[in-house]
Amino acid sequence: AQDTYSEDKGAYTGEVSPLTLSQAGVKVVEIGHAERRRLFGE
């Protein structure tokens, strides 16, 4: 998966839960890409 949020559940509209990704069969999650840092201020 290309990203995730840091919380498993909650009022985080538009974010994607790592719990859900795990349940969807994802094994590896990409985080911290330079585009995320530059465009979204991570």
PDB file of all heavy atoms in Angstrom:
ATOM      1  N   ALA A   1       0.851  -1.188   0.000  1.00  0.00           N
ATOM      2  CA  ALA A   1       0.000   0.000   0.000  1.00  0.00           C
ATOM      3  C   ALA A   1       0.887   1.239   0.000  1.00  0.00           C
ATOM      4  O   ALA A   1       2.013   1.213   0.506  1.00  0.00           O
ATOM      5  CB  ALA A   1      -0.924   0.013   1.222  1.00  0.00           C
ATOM      6  N   GLN A   2       0.362   2.330  -0.561  1.00  0.00           N
ATOM      7  CA  GLN A   2       1.174   3.519  -0.770  1.00  0.00           C
ATOM      8  C   GLN A   2       1.280   4.436   0.444  1.00  0.00           C
ATOM      9  O   GLN A   2       2.084   5.376   0.441  1.00  0.00           O
ATOM     10  CB  GLN A   2       0.638   4.314  -1.961  1.00  0.00           C
ATOM     11  CG  GLN A   2       0.823   3.609  -3.281  1.00  0.00           C
ATOM     12  CD  GLN A   2       0.415   4.456  -4.469  1.00  0.00           C
ATOM     13  OE1 GLN A   2       0.372   5.679  -4.401  1.00  0.00           O
ATOM     14  NE2 GLN A   2       0.108   3.803  -5.567  1.00  0.00           N
ATOM     15  N   ASP A   3       0.500   4.190   1.464  1.00  0.00           N
ATOM     16  CA  ASP A   3       0.557   5.038   2.660  1.00  0.00           C
ATOM     17  C   ASP A   3      -0.377   4.433   3.698  1.00  0.00           C
ATOM     18  O   ASP A   3      -1.058   3.429   3.429  1.00  0.00           O
ATOM     19  CB  ASP A   3       0.132   6.480   2.322  1.00  0.00           C
ATOM     20  CG  ASP A   3       0.459   7.475   3.434  1.00  0.00           C
ATOM     21  OD1 ASP A   3       1.399   7.216   4.202  1.00  0.00           O
ATOM     22  OD2 ASP A   3      -0.232   8.500   3.524  1.00  0.00           O
ATOM     23  N   THR A   4      -0.432   5.007   4.859  1.00  0.00           N
ATOM     24  CA  THR A   4      -1.394   4.623   5.882  1.00  0.00           C
ATOM     25  C   THR A   4      -1.510   5.767   6.878  1.00  0.00           C
ATOM     26  O   THR A   4      -0.712   6.714   6.837  1.00  0.00           O
ATOM     27  CB  THR A   4      -0.954   3.337   6.612  1.00  0.00           C
ATOM     28  OG1 THR A   4      -2.007   2.895   7.473  1.00  0.00           O
ATOM     29  CG2 THR A   4       0.288   3.573   7.457  1.00  0.00           C
ATOM     30  N   TYR A   5      -2.493   5.660   7.761  1.00  0.00           N
ATOM     31  CA  TYR A   5      -2.574   6.602   8.867  1.00  0.00           C
ATOM     32  C   TYR A   5      -1.947   5.950  10.096  1.00  0.00           C
ATOM     33  O   TYR A   5      -1.720   4.735  10.120  1.00  0.00           O
ATOM     34  CB  TYR A   5      -4.026   7.017   9.139  1.00  0.00           C
ATOM     35  CG  TYR A   5      -4.128   8.218  10.061  1.00  0.00           C
ATOM     36  CD1 TYR A   5      -3.500   9.413   9.731  1.00  0.00           C
ATOM     37  CD2 TYR A   5      -4.823   8.130  11.262  1.00  0.00           C
ATOM     38  CE1 TYR A   5      -3.576  10.512  10.580  1.00  0.00           C
ATOM     39  CE2 TYR A   5      -4.909   9.221  12.118  1.00  0.00           C
ATOM     40  CZ  TYR A   5      -4.269  10.416  11.768  1.00  0.00           C
ATOM     41  OH  TYR A   5      -4.331  11.493  12.613  1.00  0.00           O
ATOM     42  N   SER A   6      -1.675   6.732  11.122  1.00  0.00           N
ATOM     43  CA  SER A   6      -0.981   6.220  12.296  1.00  0.00           C
ATOM     44  C   SER A   6      -1.915   5.638  13.347  1.00  0.00           C
ATOM     45  O   SER A   6      -1.445   5.020  14.303  1.00  0.00           O
ATOM     46  CB  SER A   6      -0.140   7.331  12.926  1.00  0.00           C
ATOM     47  OG  SER A   6      -0.940   8.458  13.227  1.00  0.00           O
ATOM     48  N   GLU A   7      -3.232   5.828  13.180  1.00  0.00           N
ATOM     49  CA  GLU A   7      -4.209   5.270  14.111  1.00  0.00           C
ATOM     50  C   GLU A   7      -5.017   4.179  13.418  1.00  0.00           C
ATOM     51  O   GLU A   7      -5.289   4.258  12.221  1.00  0.00           O
ATOM     52  CB  GLU A   7      -5.148   6.360  14.634  1.00  0.00           C
ATOM     53  CG  GLU A   7      -4.448   7.483  15.397  1.00  0.00           C
ATOM     54  CD  GLU A   7      -3.838   7.013  16.698  1.00  0.00           C
ATOM     55  OE1 GLU A   7      -4.345   6.023  17.272  1.00  0.00           O
ATOM     56  OE2 GLU A   7      -2.841   7.618  17.143  1.00  0.00           O
ATOM     57  N   ASP A   8      -5.446   3.188  14.196  1.00  0.00           N
ATOM     58  CA  ASP A   8      -6.202   2.073  13.623  1.00  0.00           C
ATOM     59  C   ASP A   8      -7.655   2.444  13.341  1.00  0.00           C
ATOM     60  O   ASP A   8      -8.246   1.981  12.363  1.00  0.00           O
ATOM     61  CB  ASP A   8      -6.178   0.871  14.568  1.00  0.00           C
ATOM     62  CG  ASP A   8      -4.784   0.278  14.716  1.00  0.00           C
ATOM     63  OD1 ASP A   8      -3.863   0.738  14.014  1.00  0.00           O
ATOM     64  OD2 ASP A   8      -4.618  -0.641  15.531  1.00  0.00           O
ATOM     65  N   LYS A   9      -8.244   3.256  14.221  1.00  0.00           N
ATOM     66  CA  LYS A   9      -9.652   3.619  14.090  1.00  0.00           C
ATOM     67  C   LYS A   9      -9.849   5.048  14.586  1.00  0.00           C
ATOM     68  O   LYS A   9      -9.056   5.559  15.362  1.00  0.00           O
ATOM     69  CB  LYS A   9     -10.545   2.675  14.915  1.00  0.00           C
ATOM     70  CG  LYS A   9     -10.548   1.231  14.460  1.00  0.00           C
ATOM     71  CD  LYS A   9     -11.493   0.393  15.326  1.00  0.00           C
ATOM     72  CE  LYS A   9     -11.523  -1.056  14.873  1.00  0.00           C
ATOM     73  NZ  LYS A   9     -12.449  -1.880  15.695  1.00  0.00           N
ATOM     74  N   GLY A  10     -10.950   5.672  14.130  1.00  0.00           N
ATOM     75  CA  GLY A  10     -11.267   6.994  14.657  1.00  0.00           C
ATOM     76  C   GLY A  10     -11.851   7.927  13.621  1.00  0.00           C
ATOM     77  O   GLY A  10     -12.089   7.557  12.476  1.00  0.00           O
ATOM     78  N   ALA A  11     -12.060   9.159  14.041  1.00  0.00           N
ATOM     79  CA  ALA A  11     -12.657  10.192  13.182  1.00  0.00           C
ATOM     80  C   ALA A  11     -11.568  10.870  12.363  1.00  0.00           C
ATOM     81  O   ALA A  11     -11.154  11.997  12.647  1.00  0.00           O
ATOM     82  CB  ALA A  11     -13.405  11.209  14.047  1.00  0.00           C
ATOM     83  N   TYR A  12     -11.097  10.157  11.347  1.00  0.00           N
ATOM     84  CA  TYR A  12     -10.003  10.656  10.496  1.00  0.00           C
ATOM     85  C   TYR A  12     -10.442  10.560   9.042  1.00  0.00           C
ATOM     86  O   TYR A  12      -9.965   9.712   8.271  1.00  0.00           O
ATOM     87  CB  TYR A  12      -8.721   9.854  10.747  1.00  0.00           C
ATOM     88  CG  TYR A  12      -8.332   9.805  12.207  1.00  0.00           C
ATOM     89  CD1 TYR A  12      -8.464   8.632  12.945  1.00  0.00           C
ATOM     90  CD2 TYR A  12      -7.865  10.944  12.859  1.00  0.00           C
ATOM     91  CE1 TYR A  12      -8.126   8.590  14.280  1.00  0.00           C
ATOM     92  CE2 TYR A  12      -7.520  10.913  14.204  1.00  0.00           C
ATOM     93  CZ  TYR A  12      -7.659   9.735  14.916  1.00  0.00           C
ATOM     94  OH  TYR A  12      -7.326   9.703  16.249  1.00  0.00           O
ATOM     95  N   THR A  13     -11.345  11.432   8.670  1.00  0.00           N
ATOM     96  CA  THR A  13     -11.956  11.385   7.343  1.00  0.00           C
ATOM     97  C   THR A  13     -10.895  11.402   6.242  1.00  0.00           C
ATOM     98  O   THR A  13     -10.002  12.245   6.233  1.00  0.00           O
ATOM     99  CB  THR A  13     -12.903  12.579   7.164  1.00  0.00           C
ATOM    100  OG1 THR A  13     -13.919  12.513   8.175  1.00  0.00           O
ATOM    101  CG2 THR A  13     -13.556  12.552   5.790  1.00  0.00           C
ATOM    102  N   GLY A  14     -11.033  10.470   5.341  1.00  0.00           N
ATOM    103  CA  GLY A  14     -10.143  10.426   4.184  1.00  0.00           C
ATOM    104  C   GLY A  14      -8.870   9.638   4.391  1.00  0.00           C
ATOM    105  O   GLY A  14      -8.149   9.377   3.423  1.00  0.00           O
ATOM    106  N   GLU A  15      -8.568   9.263   5.629  1.00  0.00           N
ATOM    107  CA  GLU A  15      -7.356   8.493   5.885  1.00  0.00           C
ATOM    108  C   GLU A  15      -7.642   6.991   5.739  1.00  0.00           C
ATOM    109  O   GLU A  15      -8.795   6.574   5.677  1.00  0.00           O
ATOM    110  CB  GLU A  15      -6.821   8.793   7.290  1.00  0.00           C
ATOM    111  CG  GLU A  15      -6.330  10.225   7.464  1.00  0.00           C
ATOM    112  CD  GLU A  15      -5.112  10.528   6.605  1.00  0.00           C
ATOM    113  OE1 GLU A  15      -4.352   9.596   6.276  1.00  0.00           O
ATOM    114  OE2 GLU A  15      -4.932  11.705   6.252  1.00  0.00           O
ATOM    115  N   VAL A  16      -6.578   6.199   5.704  1.00  0.00           N
ATOM    116  CA  VAL A  16      -6.713   4.753   5.536  1.00  0.00           C
ATOM    117  C   VAL A  16      -6.077   4.058   6.734  1.00  0.00           C
ATOM    118  O   VAL A  16      -4.917   4.308   7.080  1.00  0.00           O
ATOM    119  CB  VAL A  16      -6.052   4.279   4.228  1.00  0.00           C
ATOM    120  CG1 VAL A  16      -6.124   2.766   4.101  1.00  0.00           C
ATOM    121  CG2 VAL A  16      -6.731   4.939   3.033  1.00  0.00           C
ATOM    122  N   SER A  17      -6.839   3.187   7.361  1.00  0.00           N
ATOM    123  CA  SER A  17      -6.411   2.520   8.578  1.00  0.00           C
ATOM    124  C   SER A  17      -5.398   1.411   8.295  1.00  0.00           C
ATOM    125  O   SER A  17      -5.606   0.589   7.394  1.00  0.00           O
ATOM    126  CB  SER A  17      -7.638   1.920   9.277  1.00  0.00           C
ATOM    127  OG  SER A  17      -7.266   0.904  10.177  1.00  0.00           O
ATOM    128  N   PRO A  18      -4.332   1.323   9.096  1.00  0.00           N
ATOM    129  CA  PRO A  18      -3.401   0.199   8.947  1.00  0.00           C
ATOM    130  C   PRO A  18      -4.051  -1.136   9.290  1.00  0.00           C
ATOM    131  O   PRO A  18      -3.683  -2.167   8.721  1.00  0.00           O
ATOM    132  CB  PRO A  18      -2.270   0.551   9.922  1.00  0.00           C
ATOM    133  CG  PRO A  18      -2.879   1.469  10.919  1.00  0.00           C
ATOM    134  CD  PRO A  18      -3.897   2.262  10.160  1.00  0.00           C
ATOM    135  N   LEU A  19      -5.009  -1.120  10.192  1.00  0.00           N
ATOM    136  CA  LEU A  19      -5.743  -2.344  10.515  1.00  0.00           C
ATOM    137  C   LEU A  19      -6.481  -2.850   9.281  1.00  0.00           C
ATOM    138  O   LEU A  19      -6.441  -4.040   8.951  1.00  0.00           O
ATOM    139  CB  LEU A  19      -6.725  -2.079  11.653  1.00  0.00           C
ATOM    140  CG  LEU A  19      -7.701  -3.215  11.994  1.00  0.00           C
ATOM    141  CD1 LEU A  19      -6.956  -4.464  12.430  1.00  0.00           C
ATOM    142  CD2 LEU A  19      -8.685  -2.754  13.059  1.00  0.00           C
ATOM    143  N   THR A  20      -7.165  -1.933   8.579  1.00  0.00           N
ATOM    144  CA  THR A  20      -7.896  -2.304   7.374  1.00  0.00           C
ATOM    145  C   THR A  20      -6.946  -2.816   6.292  1.00  0.00           C
ATOM    146  O   THR A  20      -7.246  -3.792   5.594  1.00  0.00           O
ATOM    147  CB  THR A  20      -8.697  -1.106   6.847  1.00  0.00           C
ATOM    148  OG1 THR A  20      -9.574  -0.648   7.872  1.00  0.00           O
ATOM    149  CG2 THR A  20      -9.513  -1.477   5.625  1.00  0.00           C
ATOM    150  N   LEU A  21      -5.804  -2.170   6.155  1.00  0.00           N
ATOM    151  CA  LEU A  21      -4.823  -2.626   5.159  1.00  0.00           C
ATOM    152  C   LEU A  21      -4.375  -4.045   5.461  1.00  0.00           C
ATOM    153  O   LEU A  21      -4.275  -4.891   4.561  1.00  0.00           O
ATOM    154  CB  LEU A  21      -3.622  -1.679   5.133  1.00  0.00           C
ATOM    155  CG  LEU A  21      -3.870  -0.272   4.600  1.00  0.00           C
ATOM    156  CD1 LEU A  21      -2.586   0.547   4.700  1.00  0.00           C
ATOM    157  CD2 LEU A  21      -4.378  -0.290   3.169  1.00  0.00           C
ATOM    158  N   SER A  22      -4.108  -4.316   6.724  1.00  0.00           N
ATOM    159  CA  SER A  22      -3.703  -5.660   7.109  1.00  0.00           C
ATOM    160  C   SER A  22      -4.787  -6.676   6.783  1.00  0.00           C
ATOM    161  O   SER A  22      -4.510  -7.758   6.247  1.00  0.00           O
ATOM    162  CB  SER A  22      -3.375  -5.689   8.601  1.00  0.00           C
ATOM    163  OG  SER A  22      -3.022  -6.978   9.014  1.00  0.00           O
ATOM    164  N   GLN A  23      -6.040  -6.320   7.072  1.00  0.00           N
ATOM    165  CA  GLN A  23      -7.158  -7.211   6.789  1.00  0.00           C
ATOM    166  C   GLN A  23      -7.357  -7.406   5.285  1.00  0.00           C
ATOM    167  O   GLN A  23      -7.904  -8.426   4.855  1.00  0.00           O
ATOM    168  CB  GLN A  23      -8.430  -6.651   7.428  1.00  0.00           C
ATOM    169  CG  GLN A  23      -8.401  -6.677   8.951  1.00  0.00           C
ATOM    170  CD  GLN A  23      -9.528  -5.881   9.578  1.00  0.00           C
ATOM    171  OE1 GLN A  23     -10.104  -4.984   8.944  1.00  0.00           O
ATOM    172  NE2 GLN A  23      -9.856  -6.184  10.826  1.00  0.00           N
ATOM    173  N   ALA A  24      -6.901  -6.437   4.495  1.00  0.00           N
ATOM    174  CA  ALA A  24      -7.039  -6.517   3.035  1.00  0.00           C
ATOM    175  C   ALA A  24      -5.918  -7.324   2.380  1.00  0.00           C
ATOM    176  O   ALA A  24      -5.887  -7.452   1.155  1.00  0.00           O
ATOM    177  CB  ALA A  24      -7.067  -5.109   2.435  1.00  0.00           C
ATOM    178  N   GLY A  25      -4.999  -7.847   3.185  1.00  0.00           N
ATOM    179  CA  GLY A  25      -3.941  -8.686   2.638  1.00  0.00           C
ATOM    180  C   GLY A  25      -2.653  -7.965   2.305  1.00  0.00           C
ATOM    181  O   GLY A  25      -1.767  -8.529   1.651  1.00  0.00           O
ATOM    182  N   VAL A  26      -2.526  -6.729   2.755  1.00  0.00           N
ATOM    183  CA  VAL A  26      -1.301  -5.961   2.491  1.00  0.00           C
ATOM    184  C   VAL A  26      -0.164  -6.481   3.369  1.00  0.00           C
ATOM    185  O   VAL A  26      -0.358  -6.767   4.556  1.00  0.00           O
ATOM    186  CB  VAL A  26      -1.551  -4.461   2.766  1.00  0.00           C
ATOM    187  CG1 VAL A  26      -0.242  -3.680   2.783  1.00  0.00           C
ATOM    188  CG2 VAL A  26      -2.500  -3.898   1.712  1.00  0.00           C
ATOM    189  N   LYS A  27       1.025  -6.604   2.791  1.00  0.00           N
ATOM    190  CA  LYS A  27       2.192  -7.077   3.542  1.00  0.00           C
ATOM    191  C   LYS A  27       3.196  -5.969   3.805  1.00  0.00           C
ATOM    192  O   LYS A  27       3.881  -5.974   4.835  1.00  0.00           O
ATOM    193  CB  LYS A  27       2.875  -8.219   2.800  1.00  0.00           C
ATOM    194  CG  LYS A  27       4.091  -8.765   3.540  1.00  0.00           C
ATOM    195  CD  LYS A  27       4.517 -10.127   3.058  1.00  0.00           C
ATOM    196  CE  LYS A  27       5.689 -10.655   3.893  1.00  0.00           C
ATOM    197  NZ  LYS A  27       6.043 -12.046   3.548  1.00  0.00           N
ATOM    198  N   VAL A  28       3.324  -5.032   2.875  1.00  0.00           N
ATOM    199  CA  VAL A  28       4.320  -3.979   3.004  1.00  0.00           C
ATOM    200  C   VAL A  28       3.648  -2.638   2.729  1.00  0.00           C
ATOM    201  O   VAL A  28       2.804  -2.530   1.837  1.00  0.00           O
ATOM    202  CB  VAL A  28       5.512  -4.225   2.048  1.00  0.00           C
ATOM    203  CG1 VAL A  28       5.068  -4.259   0.604  1.00  0.00           C
ATOM    204  CG2 VAL A  28       6.601  -3.191   2.235  1.00  0.00           C
ATOM    205  N   VAL A  29       4.012  -1.619   3.508  1.00  0.00           N
ATOM    206  CA  VAL A  29       3.403  -0.296   3.362  1.00  0.00           C
ATOM    207  C   VAL A  29       4.501   0.745   3.172  1.00  0.00           C
ATOM    208  O   VAL A  29       5.395   0.886   4.011  1.00  0.00           O
ATOM    209  CB  VAL A  29       2.536   0.080   4.578  1.00  0.00           C
ATOM    210  CG1 VAL A  29       1.853   1.429   4.340  1.00  0.00           C
ATOM    211  CG2 VAL A  29       1.498  -1.001   4.872  1.00  0.00           C
ATOM    212  N   GLU A  30       4.415   1.447   2.072  1.00  0.00           N
ATOM    213  CA  GLU A  30       5.366   2.518   1.749  1.00  0.00           C
ATOM    214  C   GLU A  30       4.992   3.777   2.523  1.00  0.00           C
ATOM    215  O   GLU A  30       3.839   4.219   2.491  1.00  0.00           O
ATOM    216  CB  GLU A  30       5.312   2.796   0.243  1.00  0.00           C
ATOM    217  CG  GLU A  30       6.123   3.983  -0.211  1.00  0.00           C
ATOM    218  CD  GLU A  30       5.839   4.360  -1.659  1.00  0.00           C
ATOM    219  OE1 GLU A  30       4.929   3.765  -2.268  1.00  0.00           O
ATOM    220  OE2 GLU A  30       6.535   5.262  -2.163  1.00  0.00           O
ATOM    221  N   ILE A  31       5.950   4.370   3.200  1.00  0.00           N
ATOM    222  CA  ILE A  31       5.712   5.620   3.927  1.00  0.00           C
ATOM    223  C   ILE A  31       6.911   6.560   3.754  1.00  0.00           C
ATOM    224  O   ILE A  31       8.020   6.117   3.459  1.00  0.00           O
ATOM    225  CB  ILE A  31       5.459   5.381   5.433  1.00  0.00           C
ATOM    226  CG1 ILE A  31       6.570   4.514   6.049  1.00  0.00           C
ATOM    227  CG2 ILE A  31       4.087   4.759   5.653  1.00  0.00           C
ATOM    228  CD1 ILE A  31       6.464   4.360   7.559  1.00  0.00           C
ATOM    229  N   GLY A  32       6.632   7.853   3.921  1.00  0.00           N
ATOM    230  CA  GLY A  32       7.707   8.835   3.935  1.00  0.00           C
ATOM    231  C   GLY A  32       8.296   9.184   2.592  1.00  0.00           C
ATOM    232  O   GLY A  32       9.392   9.764   2.525  1.00  0.00           O
ATOM    233  N   HIS A  33       7.609   8.867   1.501  1.00  0.00           N
ATOM    234  CA  HIS A  33       8.153   9.211   0.190  1.00  0.00           C
ATOM    235  C   HIS A  33       8.369  10.717   0.093  1.00  0.00           C
ATOM    236  O   HIS A  33       7.645  11.510   0.702  1.00  0.00           O
ATOM    237  CB  HIS A  33       7.211   8.739  -0.922  1.00  0.00           C
ATOM    238  CG  HIS A  33       7.821   8.825  -2.286  1.00  0.00           C
ATOM    239  ND1 HIS A  33       7.849   9.994  -3.021  1.00  0.00           N
ATOM    240  CD2 HIS A  33       8.450   7.886  -3.041  1.00  0.00           C
ATOM    241  CE1 HIS A  33       8.463   9.771  -4.167  1.00  0.00           C
ATOM    242  NE2 HIS A  33       8.833   8.503  -4.209  1.00  0.00           N
ATOM    243  N   ALA A  34       9.374  11.096  -0.679  1.00  0.00           N
ATOM    244  CA  ALA A  34       9.713  12.517  -0.809  1.00  0.00           C
ATOM    245  C   ALA A  34       8.523  13.347  -1.274  1.00  0.00           C
ATOM    246  O   ALA A  34       8.385  14.516  -0.891  1.00  0.00           O
ATOM    247  CB  ALA A  34      10.882  12.682  -1.784  1.00  0.00           C
ATOM    248  N   GLU A  35       7.652  12.756  -2.088  1.00  0.00           N
ATOM    249  CA  GLU A  35       6.465  13.486  -2.539  1.00  0.00           C
ATOM    250  C   GLU A  35       5.515  13.740  -1.377  1.00  0.00           C
ATOM    251  O   GLU A  35       4.893  14.813  -1.299  1.00  0.00           O
ATOM    252  CB  GLU A  35       5.768  12.695  -3.647  1.00  0.00           C
ATOM    253  CG  GLU A  35       6.584  12.618  -4.921  1.00  0.00           C
ATOM    254  CD  GLU A  35       6.152  11.475  -5.834  1.00  0.00           C
ATOM    255  OE1 GLU A  35       5.225  10.718  -5.489  1.00  0.00           O
ATOM    256  OE2 GLU A  35       6.780  11.336  -6.902  1.00  0.00           O
ATOM    257  N   ARG A  36       5.379  12.770  -0.472  1.00  0.00           N
ATOM    258  CA  ARG A  36       4.528  12.960   0.704  1.00  0.00           C
ATOM    259  C   ARG A  36       5.110  14.045   1.605  1.00  0.00           C
ATOM    260  O   ARG A  36       4.378  14.875   2.151  1.00  0.00           O
ATOM    261  CB  ARG A  36       4.413  11.650   1.503  1.00  0.00           C
ATOM    262  CG  ARG A  36       3.789  10.478   0.794  1.00  0.00           C
ATOM    263  CD  ARG A  36       2.307  10.583   0.608  1.00  0.00           C
ATOM    264  NE  ARG A  36       1.580  11.054   1.755  1.00  0.00           N
ATOM    265  CZ  ARG A  36       0.269  11.342   1.729  1.00  0.00           C
ATOM    266  NH1 ARG A  36      -0.424  11.167   0.610  1.00  0.00           N
ATOM    267  NH2 ARG A  36      -0.339  11.786   2.790  1.00  0.00           N
ATOM    268  N   ARG A  37       6.399  14.037   1.749  1.00  0.00           N
ATOM    269  CA  ARG A  37       7.049  15.044   2.597  1.00  0.00           C
ATOM    270  C   ARG A  37       6.918  16.436   1.982  1.00  0.00           C
ATOM    271  O   ARG A  37       6.646  17.414   2.686  1.00  0.00           O
ATOM    272  CB  ARG A  37       8.522  14.672   2.804  1.00  0.00           C
ATOM    273  CG  ARG A  37       8.738  13.339   3.542  1.00  0.00           C
ATOM    274  CD  ARG A  37      10.230  13.007   3.621  1.00  0.00           C
ATOM    275  NE  ARG A  37      10.513  11.675   4.123  1.00  0.00           N
ATOM    276  CZ  ARG A  37      10.831  11.372   5.384  1.00  0.00           C
ATOM    277  NH1 ARG A  37      10.887  12.334   6.287  1.00  0.00           N
ATOM    278  NH2 ARG A  37      11.088  10.134   5.741  1.00  0.00           N
ATOM    279  N   ARG A  38       7.098  16.517   0.658  1.00  0.00           N
ATOM    280  CA  ARG A  38       7.076  17.829   0.006  1.00  0.00           C
ATOM    281  C   ARG A  38       5.658  18.359  -0.185  1.00  0.00           C
ATOM    282  O   ARG A  38       5.377  19.521   0.119  1.00  0.00           O
ATOM    283  CB  ARG A  38       7.780  17.726  -1.355  1.00  0.00           C
ATOM    284  CG  ARG A  38       7.698  19.000  -2.200  1.00  0.00           C
ATOM    285  CD  ARG A  38       8.555  18.876  -3.447  1.00  0.00           C
ATOM    286  NE  ARG A  38       8.212  17.712  -4.251  1.00  0.00           N
ATOM    287  CZ  ARG A  38       7.257  17.707  -5.183  1.00  0.00           C
ATOM    288  NH1 ARG A  38       6.544  18.808  -5.428  1.00  0.00           N
ATOM    289  NH2 ARG A  38       7.015  16.627  -5.891  1.00  0.00           N
ATOM    290  N   LEU A  39       4.752  17.520  -0.675  1.00  0.00           N
ATOM    291  CA  LEU A  39       3.414  17.989  -1.025  1.00  0.00           C
ATOM    292  C   LEU A  39       2.476  18.077   0.179  1.00  0.00           C
ATOM    293  O   LEU A  39       1.577  18.926   0.206  1.00  0.00           O
ATOM    294  CB  LEU A  39       2.789  17.066  -2.075  1.00  0.00           C
ATOM    295  CG  LEU A  39       3.496  17.010  -3.432  1.00  0.00           C
ATOM    296  CD1 LEU A  39       2.866  15.947  -4.307  1.00  0.00           C
ATOM    297  CD2 LEU A  39       3.443  18.373  -4.116  1.00  0.00           C
ATOM    298  N   PHE A  40       2.679  17.200   1.159  1.00  0.00           N
ATOM    299  CA  PHE A  40       1.739  17.119   2.270  1.00  0.00           C
ATOM    300  C   PHE A  40       2.375  17.424   3.623  1.00  0.00           C
ATOM    301  O   PHE A  40       1.739  17.250   4.656  1.00  0.00           O
ATOM    302  CB  PHE A  40       1.078  15.730   2.287  1.00  0.00           C
ATOM    303  CG  PHE A  40       0.390  15.405   0.991  1.00  0.00           C
ATOM    304  CD1 PHE A  40       0.957  14.500   0.104  1.00  0.00           C
ATOM    305  CD2 PHE A  40      -0.797  16.018   0.626  1.00  0.00           C
ATOM    306  CE1 PHE A  40       0.336  14.203  -1.106  1.00  0.00           C
ATOM    307  CE2 PHE A  40      -1.417  15.731  -0.575  1.00  0.00           C
ATOM    308  CZ  PHE A  40      -0.848  14.822  -1.445  1.00  0.00           C
ATOM    309  N   GLY A  41       3.625  17.860   3.588  1.00  0.00           N
ATOM    310  CA  GLY A  41       4.268  18.331   4.808  1.00  0.00           C
ATOM    311  C   GLY A  41       4.568  17.269   5.842  1.00  0.00           C
ATOM    312  O   GLY A  41       4.676  17.570   7.040  1.00  0.00           O
ATOM    313  N   GLU A  42       4.711  16.016   5.420  1.00  0.00           N
ATOM    314  CA  GLU A  42       4.982  14.963   6.392  1.00  0.00           C
ATOM    315  C   GLU A  42       6.373  15.124   6.995  1.00  0.00           C
ATOM    316  O   GLU A  42       7.345  15.429   6.307  1.00  0.00           O
ATOM    317  CB  GLU A  42       4.857  13.585   5.734  1.00  0.00           C
ATOM    318  CG  GLU A  42       3.426  13.233   5.381  1.00  0.00           C
ATOM    319  CD  GLU A  42       3.247  11.771   5.001  1.00  0.00           C
ATOM    320  OE1 GLU A  42       4.254  11.032   4.939  1.00  0.00           O
ATOM    321  OE2 GLU A  42       2.097  11.380   4.764  1.00  0.00           O
TER     322      GLU A  42
END
